[in-house]
Amino acid sequence: IFPVMDLFMPLGDLVRVEGAIDQVMVMITEDMEVASTLYMPVTR
């Protein structure tokens, strides 16, 4: 859905995702909902 993500973190690349796991973990926390537009909300 968001192929532009490849510019920042290719989601299909295990090495890149593992290398950025700290960022991924932060972006899915509920605390980020109000702190960043990068927040990944609970959705369908």
PDB file of all heavy atoms in Angstrom:
ATOM      1  N   ILE A   1       0.818  -1.214   0.000  1.00  0.00           N
ATOM      2  CA  ILE A   1       0.000   0.000   0.000  1.00  0.00           C
ATOM      3  C   ILE A   1       0.854   1.266   0.000  1.00  0.00           C
ATOM      4  O   ILE A   1       0.481   2.271  -0.592  1.00  0.00           O
ATOM      5  CB  ILE A   1      -0.956   0.005   1.207  1.00  0.00           C
ATOM      6  CG1 ILE A   1      -1.971  -1.118   1.065  1.00  0.00           C
ATOM      7  CG2 ILE A   1      -1.666   1.340   1.352  1.00  0.00           C
ATOM      8  CD1 ILE A   1      -2.901  -1.277   2.247  1.00  0.00           C
ATOM      9  N   PHE A   2       2.005   1.219   0.677  1.00  0.00           N
ATOM     10  CA  PHE A   2       2.852   2.402   0.808  1.00  0.00           C
ATOM     11  C   PHE A   2       4.253   2.136   0.245  1.00  0.00           C
ATOM     12  O   PHE A   2       5.233   2.080   0.988  1.00  0.00           O
ATOM     13  CB  PHE A   2       2.973   2.822   2.277  1.00  0.00           C
ATOM     14  CG  PHE A   2       1.651   3.051   2.947  1.00  0.00           C
ATOM     15  CD1 PHE A   2       1.183   2.177   3.913  1.00  0.00           C
ATOM     16  CD2 PHE A   2       0.864   4.139   2.608  1.00  0.00           C
ATOM     17  CE1 PHE A   2      -0.042   2.387   4.532  1.00  0.00           C
ATOM     18  CE2 PHE A   2      -0.365   4.357   3.221  1.00  0.00           C
ATOM     19  CZ  PHE A   2      -0.820   3.474   4.187  1.00  0.00           C
ATOM     20  N   PRO A   3       4.379   1.978  -1.084  1.00  0.00           N
ATOM     21  CA  PRO A   3       5.687   1.660  -1.664  1.00  0.00           C
ATOM     22  C   PRO A   3       6.736   2.746  -1.409  1.00  0.00           C
ATOM     23  O   PRO A   3       7.933   2.471  -1.475  1.00  0.00           O
ATOM     24  CB  PRO A   3       5.405   1.493  -3.159  1.00  0.00           C
ATOM     25  CG  PRO A   3       4.102   2.185  -3.392  1.00  0.00           C
ATOM     26  CD  PRO A   3       3.343   2.117  -2.102  1.00  0.00           C
ATOM     27  N   VAL A   4       6.308   3.955  -1.071  1.00  0.00           N
ATOM     28  CA  VAL A   4       7.260   5.020  -0.782  1.00  0.00           C
ATOM     29  C   VAL A   4       8.099   4.676   0.449  1.00  0.00           C
ATOM     30  O   VAL A   4       9.186   5.211   0.641  1.00  0.00           O
ATOM     31  CB  VAL A   4       6.538   6.378  -0.619  1.00  0.00           C
ATOM     32  CG1 VAL A   4       5.748   6.424   0.689  1.00  0.00           C
ATOM     33  CG2 VAL A   4       7.512   7.525  -0.707  1.00  0.00           C
ATOM     34  N   MET A   5       7.625   3.752   1.281  1.00  0.00           N
ATOM     35  CA  MET A   5       8.381   3.328   2.461  1.00  0.00           C
ATOM     36  C   MET A   5       9.747   2.767   2.078  1.00  0.00           C
ATOM     37  O   MET A   5      10.682   2.814   2.873  1.00  0.00           O
ATOM     38  CB  MET A   5       7.605   2.261   3.244  1.00  0.00           C
ATOM     39  CG  MET A   5       6.460   2.793   4.051  1.00  0.00           C
ATOM     40  SD  MET A   5       7.007   3.755   5.467  1.00  0.00           S
ATOM     41  CE  MET A   5       7.837   2.507   6.428  1.00  0.00           C
ATOM     42  N   ASP A   6       9.864   2.239   0.859  1.00  0.00           N
ATOM     43  CA  ASP A   6      11.144   1.686   0.410  1.00  0.00           C
ATOM     44  C   ASP A   6      12.274   2.709   0.489  1.00  0.00           C
ATOM     45  O   ASP A   6      13.428   2.347   0.658  1.00  0.00           O
ATOM     46  CB  ASP A   6      11.058   1.145  -1.018  1.00  0.00           C
ATOM     47  CG  ASP A   6      10.476  -0.248  -1.069  1.00  0.00           C
ATOM     48  OD1 ASP A   6      10.290  -0.865   0.003  1.00  0.00           O
ATOM     49  OD2 ASP A   6      10.202  -0.723  -2.184  1.00  0.00           O
ATOM     50  N   LEU A   7      11.937   3.992   0.364  1.00  0.00           N
ATOM     51  CA  LEU A   7      12.952   5.036   0.451  1.00  0.00           C
ATOM     52  C   LEU A   7      13.527   5.138   1.861  1.00  0.00           C
ATOM     53  O   LEU A   7      14.677   5.532   2.046  1.00  0.00           O
ATOM     54  CB  LEU A   7      12.365   6.392   0.048  1.00  0.00           C
ATOM     55  CG  LEU A   7      11.834   6.496  -1.367  1.00  0.00           C
ATOM     56  CD1 LEU A   7      11.148   7.845  -1.567  1.00  0.00           C
ATOM     57  CD2 LEU A   7      12.940   6.300  -2.380  1.00  0.00           C
ATOM     58  N   PHE A   8      12.729   4.813   2.858  1.00  0.00           N
ATOM     59  CA  PHE A   8      13.143   4.958   4.253  1.00  0.00           C
ATOM     60  C   PHE A   8      13.482   3.627   4.908  1.00  0.00           C
ATOM     61  O   PHE A   8      14.470   3.517   5.632  1.00  0.00           O
ATOM     62  CB  PHE A   8      12.046   5.660   5.061  1.00  0.00           C
ATOM     63  CG  PHE A   8      11.612   6.942   4.422  1.00  0.00           C
ATOM     64  CD1 PHE A   8      10.441   7.003   3.687  1.00  0.00           C
ATOM     65  CD2 PHE A   8      12.386   8.075   4.524  1.00  0.00           C
ATOM     66  CE1 PHE A   8      10.045   8.187   3.092  1.00  0.00           C
ATOM     67  CE2 PHE A   8      12.007   9.268   3.922  1.00  0.00           C
ATOM     68  CZ  PHE A   8      10.831   9.313   3.205  1.00  0.00           C
ATOM     69  N   MET A   9      12.630   2.626   4.693  1.00  0.00           N
ATOM     70  CA  MET A   9      12.844   1.302   5.257  1.00  0.00           C
ATOM     71  C   MET A   9      12.128   0.286   4.386  1.00  0.00           C
ATOM     72  O   MET A   9      10.908   0.155   4.455  1.00  0.00           O
ATOM     73  CB  MET A   9      12.286   1.215   6.679  1.00  0.00           C
ATOM     74  CG  MET A   9      12.538  -0.133   7.301  1.00  0.00           C
ATOM     75  SD  MET A   9      11.691  -0.429   8.875  1.00  0.00           S
ATOM     76  CE  MET A   9      11.671   1.141   9.667  1.00  0.00           C
ATOM     77  N   PRO A  10      12.875  -0.417   3.552  1.00  0.00           N
ATOM     78  CA  PRO A  10      12.242  -1.452   2.723  1.00  0.00           C
ATOM     79  C   PRO A  10      11.662  -2.555   3.616  1.00  0.00           C
ATOM     80  O   PRO A  10      12.403  -3.301   4.228  1.00  0.00           O
ATOM     81  CB  PRO A  10      13.382  -1.981   1.859  1.00  0.00           C
ATOM     82  CG  PRO A  10      14.486  -0.982   1.977  1.00  0.00           C
ATOM     83  CD  PRO A  10      14.287  -0.286   3.284  1.00  0.00           C
ATOM     84  N   LEU A  11      10.344  -2.600   3.726  1.00  0.00           N
ATOM     85  CA  LEU A  11       9.698  -3.533   4.644  1.00  0.00           C
ATOM     86  C   LEU A  11       9.881  -4.993   4.261  1.00  0.00           C
ATOM     87  O   LEU A  11       9.677  -5.865   5.087  1.00  0.00           O
ATOM     88  CB  LEU A  11       8.212  -3.198   4.761  1.00  0.00           C
ATOM     89  CG  LEU A  11       7.900  -1.851   5.407  1.00  0.00           C
ATOM     90  CD1 LEU A  11       6.408  -1.584   5.365  1.00  0.00           C
ATOM     91  CD2 LEU A  11       8.424  -1.805   6.831  1.00  0.00           C
ATOM     92  N   GLY A  12      10.282  -5.272   3.043  1.00  0.00           N
ATOM     93  CA  GLY A  12      10.508  -6.645   2.626  1.00  0.00           C
ATOM     94  C   GLY A  12      11.937  -7.107   2.840  1.00  0.00           C
ATOM     95  O   GLY A  12      12.281  -8.235   2.504  1.00  0.00           O
ATOM     96  N   ASP A  13      12.769  -6.265   3.415  1.00  0.00           N
ATOM     97  CA  ASP A  13      14.190  -6.566   3.601  1.00  0.00           C
ATOM     98  C   ASP A  13      14.465  -6.842   5.077  1.00  0.00           C
ATOM     99  O   ASP A  13      14.529  -5.927   5.898  1.00  0.00           O
ATOM    100  CB  ASP A  13      15.021  -5.381   3.117  1.00  0.00           C
ATOM    101  CG  ASP A  13      16.516  -5.618   3.158  1.00  0.00           C
ATOM    102  OD1 ASP A  13      16.981  -6.472   3.938  1.00  0.00           O
ATOM    103  OD2 ASP A  13      17.229  -4.931   2.407  1.00  0.00           O
ATOM    104  N   LEU A  14      14.635  -8.107   5.421  1.00  0.00           N
ATOM    105  CA  LEU A  14      14.843  -8.520   6.812  1.00  0.00           C
ATOM    106  C   LEU A  14      15.985  -7.761   7.474  1.00  0.00           C
ATOM    107  O   LEU A  14      15.847  -7.251   8.582  1.00  0.00           O
ATOM    108  CB  LEU A  14      15.096 -10.028   6.892  1.00  0.00           C
ATOM    109  CG  LEU A  14      15.513 -10.571   8.265  1.00  0.00           C
ATOM    110  CD1 LEU A  14      14.437 -10.336   9.300  1.00  0.00           C
ATOM    111  CD2 LEU A  14      15.864 -12.040   8.161  1.00  0.00           C
ATOM    112  N   VAL A  15      17.107  -7.649   6.791  1.00  0.00           N
ATOM    113  CA  VAL A  15      18.280  -6.995   7.378  1.00  0.00           C
ATOM    114  C   VAL A  15      17.976  -5.534   7.707  1.00  0.00           C
ATOM    115  O   VAL A  15      18.312  -5.035   8.784  1.00  0.00           O
ATOM    116  CB  VAL A  15      19.500  -7.119   6.442  1.00  0.00           C
ATOM    117  CG1 VAL A  15      20.678  -6.307   6.956  1.00  0.00           C
ATOM    118  CG2 VAL A  15      19.890  -8.580   6.272  1.00  0.00           C
ATOM    119  N   ARG A  16      17.312  -4.845   6.788  1.00  0.00           N
ATOM    120  CA  ARG A  16      16.990  -3.421   7.019  1.00  0.00           C
ATOM    121  C   ARG A  16      15.952  -3.253   8.129  1.00  0.00           C
ATOM    122  O   ARG A  16      16.054  -2.350   8.955  1.00  0.00           O
ATOM    123  CB  ARG A  16      16.482  -2.773   5.730  1.00  0.00           C
ATOM    124  CG  ARG A  16      17.483  -2.695   4.606  1.00  0.00           C
ATOM    125  CD  ARG A  16      18.510  -1.586   4.758  1.00  0.00           C
ATOM    126  NE  ARG A  16      17.969  -0.262   4.841  1.00  0.00           N
ATOM    127  CZ  ARG A  16      17.680   0.518   3.792  1.00  0.00           C
ATOM    128  NH1 ARG A  16      17.918   0.095   2.564  1.00  0.00           N
ATOM    129  NH2 ARG A  16      17.177   1.713   3.972  1.00  0.00           N
ATOM    130  N   VAL A  17      14.950  -4.129   8.159  1.00  0.00           N
ATOM    131  CA  VAL A  17      13.919  -4.020   9.194  1.00  0.00           C
ATOM    132  C   VAL A  17      14.516  -4.345  10.559  1.00  0.00           C
ATOM    133  O   VAL A  17      14.275  -3.640  11.533  1.00  0.00           O
ATOM    134  CB  VAL A  17      12.702  -4.920   8.880  1.00  0.00           C
ATOM    135  CG1 VAL A  17      11.706  -4.923  10.032  1.00  0.00           C
ATOM    136  CG2 VAL A  17      12.016  -4.468   7.598  1.00  0.00           C
ATOM    137  N   GLU A  18      15.325  -5.406  10.627  1.00  0.00           N
ATOM    138  CA  GLU A  18      15.981  -5.721  11.901  1.00  0.00           C
ATOM    139  C   GLU A  18      16.906  -4.587  12.339  1.00  0.00           C
ATOM    140  O   GLU A  18      16.988  -4.278  13.526  1.00  0.00           O
ATOM    141  CB  GLU A  18      16.774  -7.024  11.808  1.00  0.00           C
ATOM    142  CG  GLU A  18      15.920  -8.255  11.849  1.00  0.00           C
ATOM    143  CD  GLU A  18      16.726  -9.538  11.856  1.00  0.00           C
ATOM    144  OE1 GLU A  18      17.910  -9.529  11.447  1.00  0.00           O
ATOM    145  OE2 GLU A  18      16.164 -10.558  12.267  1.00  0.00           O
ATOM    146  N   GLY A  19      17.580  -3.959  11.393  1.00  0.00           N
ATOM    147  CA  GLY A  19      18.471  -2.848  11.711  1.00  0.00           C
ATOM    148  C   GLY A  19      17.731  -1.627  12.234  1.00  0.00           C
ATOM    149  O   GLY A  19      18.296  -0.806  12.958  1.00  0.00           O
ATOM    150  N   ALA A  20      16.466  -1.514  11.892  1.00  0.00           N
ATOM    151  CA  ALA A  20      15.661  -0.369  12.323  1.00  0.00           C
ATOM    152  C   ALA A  20      14.577  -0.791  13.311  1.00  0.00           C
ATOM    153  O   ALA A  20      13.594  -0.071  13.500  1.00  0.00           O
ATOM    154  CB  ALA A  20      15.041   0.306  11.104  1.00  0.00           C
ATOM    155  N   ILE A  21      14.759  -1.947  13.939  1.00  0.00           N
ATOM    156  CA  ILE A  21      13.701  -2.478  14.812  1.00  0.00           C
ATOM    157  C   ILE A  21      13.360  -1.524  15.945  1.00  0.00           C
ATOM    158  O   ILE A  21      12.204  -1.424  16.347  1.00  0.00           O
ATOM    159  CB  ILE A  21      14.048  -3.887  15.346  1.00  0.00           C
ATOM    160  CG1 ILE A  21      12.794  -4.582  15.886  1.00  0.00           C
ATOM    161  CG2 ILE A  21      15.138  -3.832  16.391  1.00  0.00           C
ATOM    162  CD1 ILE A  21      11.730  -4.851  14.854  1.00  0.00           C
ATOM    163  N   ASP A  22      14.336  -0.778  16.439  1.00  0.00           N
ATOM    164  CA  ASP A  22      14.043   0.192  17.503  1.00  0.00           C
ATOM    165  C   ASP A  22      13.034   1.226  17.025  1.00  0.00           C
ATOM    166  O   ASP A  22      12.111   1.587  17.754  1.00  0.00           O
ATOM    167  CB  ASP A  22      15.320   0.883  17.986  1.00  0.00           C
ATOM    168  CG  ASP A  22      16.256  -0.068  18.717  1.00  0.00           C
ATOM    169  OD1 ASP A  22      15.763  -1.074  19.273  1.00  0.00           O
ATOM    170  OD2 ASP A  22      17.467   0.183  18.732  1.00  0.00           O
ATOM    171  N   GLN A  23      13.190   1.704  15.789  1.00  0.00           N
ATOM    172  CA  GLN A  23      12.254   2.679  15.221  1.00  0.00           C
ATOM    173  C   GLN A  23      10.866   2.063  15.054  1.00  0.00           C
ATOM    174  O   GLN A  23       9.864   2.694  15.362  1.00  0.00           O
ATOM    175  CB  GLN A  23      12.740   3.154  13.861  1.00  0.00           C
ATOM    176  CG  GLN A  23      13.924   4.073  13.902  1.00  0.00           C
ATOM    177  CD  GLN A  23      14.365   4.394  12.491  1.00  0.00           C
ATOM    178  OE1 GLN A  23      14.891   3.537  11.794  1.00  0.00           O
ATOM    179  NE2 GLN A  23      14.114   5.620  12.065  1.00  0.00           N
ATOM    180  N   VAL A  24      10.822   0.842  14.551  1.00  0.00           N
ATOM    181  CA  VAL A  24       9.539   0.167  14.357  1.00  0.00           C
ATOM    182  C   VAL A  24       8.834   0.025  15.697  1.00  0.00           C
ATOM    183  O   VAL A  24       7.641   0.328  15.816  1.00  0.00           O
ATOM    184  CB  VAL A  24       9.728  -1.220  13.696  1.00  0.00           C
ATOM    185  CG1 VAL A  24       8.408  -1.984  13.653  1.00  0.00           C
ATOM    186  CG2 VAL A  24      10.309  -1.086  12.299  1.00  0.00           C
ATOM    187  N   MET A  25       9.560  -0.400  16.708  1.00  0.00           N
ATOM    188  CA  MET A  25       8.970  -0.603  18.041  1.00  0.00           C
ATOM    189  C   MET A  25       8.408   0.706  18.594  1.00  0.00           C
ATOM    190  O   MET A  25       7.345   0.710  19.201  1.00  0.00           O
ATOM    191  CB  MET A  25      10.005  -1.190  18.994  1.00  0.00           C
ATOM    192  CG  MET A  25      10.542  -2.551  18.570  1.00  0.00           C
ATOM    193  SD  MET A  25       9.300  -3.829  18.549  1.00  0.00           S
ATOM    194  CE  MET A  25       9.074  -4.053  20.288  1.00  0.00           C
ATOM    195  N   VAL A  26       9.113   1.792  18.371  1.00  0.00           N
ATOM    196  CA  VAL A  26       8.633   3.087  18.859  1.00  0.00           C
ATOM    197  C   VAL A  26       7.386   3.520  18.096  1.00  0.00           C
ATOM    198  O   VAL A  26       6.429   4.021  18.687  1.00  0.00           O
ATOM    199  CB  VAL A  26       9.750   4.157  18.752  1.00  0.00           C
ATOM    200  CG1 VAL A  26       9.193   5.549  18.972  1.00  0.00           C
ATOM    201  CG2 VAL A  26      10.863   3.864  19.739  1.00  0.00           C
ATOM    202  N   MET A  27       7.368   3.308  16.795  1.00  0.00           N
ATOM    203  CA  MET A  27       6.254   3.785  15.968  1.00  0.00           C
ATOM    204  C   MET A  27       4.947   3.044  16.230  1.00  0.00           C
ATOM    205  O   MET A  27       3.878   3.536  15.865  1.00  0.00           O
ATOM    206  CB  MET A  27       6.595   3.679  14.481  1.00  0.00           C
ATOM    207  CG  MET A  27       7.642   4.664  14.025  1.00  0.00           C
ATOM    208  SD  MET A  27       7.171   6.365  14.337  1.00  0.00           S
ATOM    209  CE  MET A  27       8.498   6.887  15.399  1.00  0.00           C
ATOM    210  N   ILE A  28       5.010   1.878  16.849  1.00  0.00           N
ATOM    211  CA  ILE A  28       3.767   1.143  17.112  1.00  0.00           C
ATOM    212  C   ILE A  28       3.286   1.308  18.551  1.00  0.00           C
ATOM    213  O   ILE A  28       2.235   0.796  18.892  1.00  0.00           O
ATOM    214  CB  ILE A  28       3.900  -0.356  16.759  1.00  0.00           C
ATOM    215  CG1 ILE A  28       4.924  -1.062  17.634  1.00  0.00           C
ATOM    216  CG2 ILE A  28       4.191  -0.542  15.287  1.00  0.00           C
ATOM    217  CD1 ILE A  28       4.979  -2.571  17.443  1.00  0.00           C
ATOM    218  N   THR A  29       4.022   2.044  19.383  1.00  0.00           N
ATOM    219  CA  THR A  29       3.579   2.253  20.762  1.00  0.00           C
ATOM    220  C   THR A  29       2.459   3.290  20.802  1.00  0.00           C
ATOM    221  O   THR A  29       2.445   4.238  20.027  1.00  0.00           O
ATOM    222  CB  THR A  29       4.732   2.726  21.670  1.00  0.00           C
ATOM    223  OG1 THR A  29       5.217   3.970  21.194  1.00  0.00           O
ATOM    224  CG2 THR A  29       5.846   1.706  21.736  1.00  0.00           C
ATOM    225  N   GLU A  30       1.542   3.097  21.734  1.00  0.00           N
ATOM    226  CA  GLU A  30       0.415   4.014  21.852  1.00  0.00           C
ATOM    227  C   GLU A  30       0.868   5.426  22.214  1.00  0.00           C
ATOM    228  O   GLU A  30       0.201   6.398  21.867  1.00  0.00           O
ATOM    229  CB  GLU A  30      -0.574   3.492  22.879  1.00  0.00           C
ATOM    230  CG  GLU A  30      -1.315   2.259  22.403  1.00  0.00           C
ATOM    231  CD  GLU A  30      -2.345   1.779  23.390  1.00  0.00           C
ATOM    232  OE1 GLU A  30      -2.879   2.607  24.160  1.00  0.00           O
ATOM    233  OE2 GLU A  30      -2.616   0.579  23.394  1.00  0.00           O
ATOM    234  N   ASP A  31       1.999   5.557  22.898  1.00  0.00           N
ATOM    235  CA  ASP A  31       2.512   6.878  23.268  1.00  0.00           C
ATOM    236  C   ASP A  31       2.797   7.736  22.040  1.00  0.00           C
ATOM    237  O   ASP A  31       2.768   8.958  22.112  1.00  0.00           O
ATOM    238  CB  ASP A  31       3.799   6.752  24.089  1.00  0.00           C
ATOM    239  CG  ASP A  31       3.553   6.072  25.426  1.00  0.00           C
ATOM    240  OD1 ASP A  31       2.397   6.043  25.884  1.00  0.00           O
ATOM    241  OD2 ASP A  31       4.531   5.575  26.015  1.00  0.00           O
ATOM    242  N   MET A  32       3.093   7.109  20.923  1.00  0.00           N
ATOM    243  CA  MET A  32       3.427   7.848  19.701  1.00  0.00           C
ATOM    244  C   MET A  32       2.203   8.422  19.003  1.00  0.00           C
ATOM    245  O   MET A  32       2.327   9.244  18.119  1.00  0.00           O
ATOM    246  CB  MET A  32       4.196   6.953  18.724  1.00  0.00           C
ATOM    247  CG  MET A  32       5.603   6.637  19.167  1.00  0.00           C
ATOM    248  SD  MET A  32       6.615   8.109  19.402  1.00  0.00           S
ATOM    249  CE  MET A  32       6.774   8.665  17.721  1.00  0.00           C
ATOM    250  N   GLU A  33       1.015   8.001  19.411  1.00  0.00           N
ATOM    251  CA  GLU A  33      -0.206   8.449  18.730  1.00  0.00           C
ATOM    252  C   GLU A  33      -0.290   9.972  18.661  1.00  0.00           C
ATOM    253  O   GLU A  33      -0.623  10.532  17.630  1.00  0.00           O
ATOM    254  CB  GLU A  33      -1.437   7.889  19.429  1.00  0.00           C
ATOM    255  CG  GLU A  33      -2.721   8.273  18.739  1.00  0.00           C
ATOM    256  CD  GLU A  33      -3.929   7.583  19.343  1.00  0.00           C
ATOM    257  OE1 GLU A  33      -3.810   6.944  20.399  1.00  0.00           O
ATOM    258  OE2 GLU A  33      -4.998   7.699  18.738  1.00  0.00           O
ATOM    259  N   VAL A  34       0.030  10.642  19.745  1.00  0.00           N
ATOM    260  CA  VAL A  34      -0.050  12.099  19.754  1.00  0.00           C
ATOM    261  C   VAL A  34       1.293  12.753  19.465  1.00  0.00           C
ATOM    262  O   VAL A  34       1.367  13.938  19.190  1.00  0.00           O
ATOM    263  CB  VAL A  34      -0.601  12.630  21.097  1.00  0.00           C
ATOM    264  CG1 VAL A  34      -2.041  12.192  21.285  1.00  0.00           C
ATOM    265  CG2 VAL A  34       0.256  12.185  22.259  1.00  0.00           C
ATOM    266  N   ALA A  35       2.363  11.980  19.502  1.00  0.00           N
ATOM    267  CA  ALA A  35       3.705  12.550  19.374  1.00  0.00           C
ATOM    268  C   ALA A  35       4.213  12.613  17.938  1.00  0.00           C
ATOM    269  O   ALA A  35       5.110  13.383  17.639  1.00  0.00           O
ATOM    270  CB  ALA A  35       4.689  11.754  20.221  1.00  0.00           C
ATOM    271  N   SER A  36       3.665  11.807  17.034  1.00  0.00           N
ATOM    272  CA  SER A  36       4.240  11.744  15.695  1.00  0.00           C
ATOM    273  C   SER A  36       3.206  11.347  14.649  1.00  0.00           C
ATOM    274  O   SER A  36       2.326  10.533  14.918  1.00  0.00           O
ATOM    275  CB  SER A  36       5.388  10.726  15.684  1.00  0.00           C
ATOM    276  OG  SER A  36       5.874  10.545  14.372  1.00  0.00           O
ATOM    277  N   THR A  37       3.377  11.887  13.465  1.00  0.00           N
ATOM    278  CA  THR A  37       2.525  11.481  12.343  1.00  0.00           C
ATOM    279  C   THR A  37       2.971  10.137  11.775  1.00  0.00           C
ATOM    280  O   THR A  37       2.292   9.573  10.929  1.00  0.00           O
ATOM    281  CB  THR A  37       2.558  12.527  11.216  1.00  0.00           C
ATOM    282  OG1 THR A  37       3.910  12.695  10.793  1.00  0.00           O
ATOM    283  CG2 THR A  37       1.977  13.843  11.686  1.00  0.00           C
ATOM    284  N   LEU A  38       4.095   9.610  12.248  1.00  0.00           N
ATOM    285  CA  LEU A  38       4.586   8.315  11.787  1.00  0.00           C
ATOM    286  C   LEU A  38       3.983   7.150  12.574  1.00  0.00           C
ATOM    287  O   LEU A  38       4.249   5.996  12.279  1.00  0.00           O
ATOM    288  CB  LEU A  38       6.115   8.258  11.894  1.00  0.00           C
ATOM    289  CG  LEU A  38       6.870   9.283  11.046  1.00  0.00           C
ATOM    290  CD1 LEU A  38       8.359   9.194  11.326  1.00  0.00           C
ATOM    291  CD2 LEU A  38       6.577   9.091   9.579  1.00  0.00           C
ATOM    292  N   TYR A  39       3.186   7.464  13.587  1.00  0.00           N
ATOM    293  CA  TYR A  39       2.545   6.450  14.424  1.00  0.00           C
ATOM    294  C   TYR A  39       1.752   5.475  13.568  1.00  0.00           C
ATOM    295  O   TYR A  39       1.064   5.866  12.640  1.00  0.00           O
ATOM    296  CB  TYR A  39       1.623   7.145  15.429  1.00  0.00           C
ATOM    297  CG  TYR A  39       0.715   6.230  16.201  1.00  0.00           C
ATOM    298  CD1 TYR A  39       1.241   5.349  17.134  1.00  0.00           C
ATOM    299  CD2 TYR A  39      -0.651   6.249  16.002  1.00  0.00           C
ATOM    300  CE1 TYR A  39       0.404   4.519  17.869  1.00  0.00           C
ATOM    301  CE2 TYR A  39      -1.494   5.427  16.729  1.00  0.00           C
ATOM    302  CZ  TYR A  39      -0.964   4.563  17.661  1.00  0.00           C
ATOM    303  OH  TYR A  39      -1.790   3.744  18.379  1.00  0.00           O
ATOM    304  N   MET A  40       1.871   4.181  13.875  1.00  0.00           N
ATOM    305  CA  MET A  40       1.106   3.153  13.168  1.00  0.00           C
ATOM    306  C   MET A  40      -0.055   2.744  14.068  1.00  0.00           C
ATOM    307  O   MET A  40       0.119   1.948  14.985  1.00  0.00           O
ATOM    308  CB  MET A  40       2.001   1.954  12.851  1.00  0.00           C
ATOM    309  CG  MET A  40       3.106   2.271  11.860  1.00  0.00           C
ATOM    310  SD  MET A  40       4.266   0.910  11.615  1.00  0.00           S
ATOM    311  CE  MET A  40       3.243  -0.291  10.785  1.00  0.00           C
ATOM    312  N   PRO A  41      -1.254   3.301  13.857  1.00  0.00           N
ATOM    313  CA  PRO A  41      -2.381   3.045  14.758  1.00  0.00           C
ATOM    314  C   PRO A  41      -2.965   1.646  14.599  1.00  0.00           C
ATOM    315  O   PRO A  41      -2.769   0.991  13.582  1.00  0.00           O
ATOM    316  CB  PRO A  41      -3.406   4.098  14.323  1.00  0.00           C
ATOM    317  CG  PRO A  41      -3.108   4.302  12.878  1.00  0.00           C
ATOM    318  CD  PRO A  41      -1.610   4.164  12.748  1.00  0.00           C
ATOM    319  N   VAL A  42      -3.681   1.219  15.625  1.00  0.00           N
ATOM    320  CA  VAL A  42      -4.431  -0.032  15.521  1.00  0.00           C
ATOM    321  C   VAL A  42      -5.551   0.226  14.527  1.00  0.00           C
ATOM    322  O   VAL A  42      -6.352   1.136  14.694  1.00  0.00           O
ATOM    323  CB  VAL A  42      -5.009  -0.447  16.889  1.00  0.00           C
ATOM    324  CG1 VAL A  42      -5.965  -1.612  16.729  1.00  0.00           C
ATOM    325  CG2 VAL A  42      -3.885  -0.828  17.838  1.00  0.00           C
ATOM    326  N   THR A  43      -5.556  -0.539  13.467  1.00  0.00           N
ATOM    327  CA  THR A  43      -6.570  -0.420  12.421  1.00  0.00           C
ATOM    328  C   THR A  43      -6.956  -1.824  12.000  1.00  0.00           C
ATOM    329  O   THR A  43      -6.466  -2.810  12.559  1.00  0.00           O
ATOM    330  CB  THR A  43      -6.020   0.319  11.184  1.00  0.00           C
ATOM    331  OG1 THR A  43      -4.958  -0.462  10.623  1.00  0.00           O
ATOM    332  CG2 THR A  43      -5.523   1.703  11.538  1.00  0.00           C
ATOM    333  N   ARG A  44      -7.764  -1.909  10.980  1.00  0.00           N
ATOM    334  CA  ARG A  44      -8.098  -3.227  10.448  1.00  0.00           C
ATOM    335  C   ARG A  44      -6.839  -3.935   9.967  1.00  0.00           C
ATOM    336  O   ARG A  44      -6.679  -5.141  10.127  1.00  0.00           O
ATOM    337  CB  ARG A  44      -9.084  -3.085   9.287  1.00  0.00           C
ATOM    338  CG  ARG A  44      -9.495  -4.405   8.681  1.00  0.00           C
ATOM    339  CD  ARG A  44     -10.369  -4.182   7.501  1.00  0.00           C
ATOM    340  NE  ARG A  44      -9.578  -3.456   6.507  1.00  0.00           N
ATOM    341  CZ  ARG A  44     -10.038  -3.057   5.350  1.00  0.00           C
ATOM    342  NH1 ARG A  44     -11.271  -3.266   5.021  1.00  0.00           N
ATOM    343  NH2 ARG A  44      -9.266  -2.424   4.502  1.00  0.00           N
TER     344      ARG A  44
END
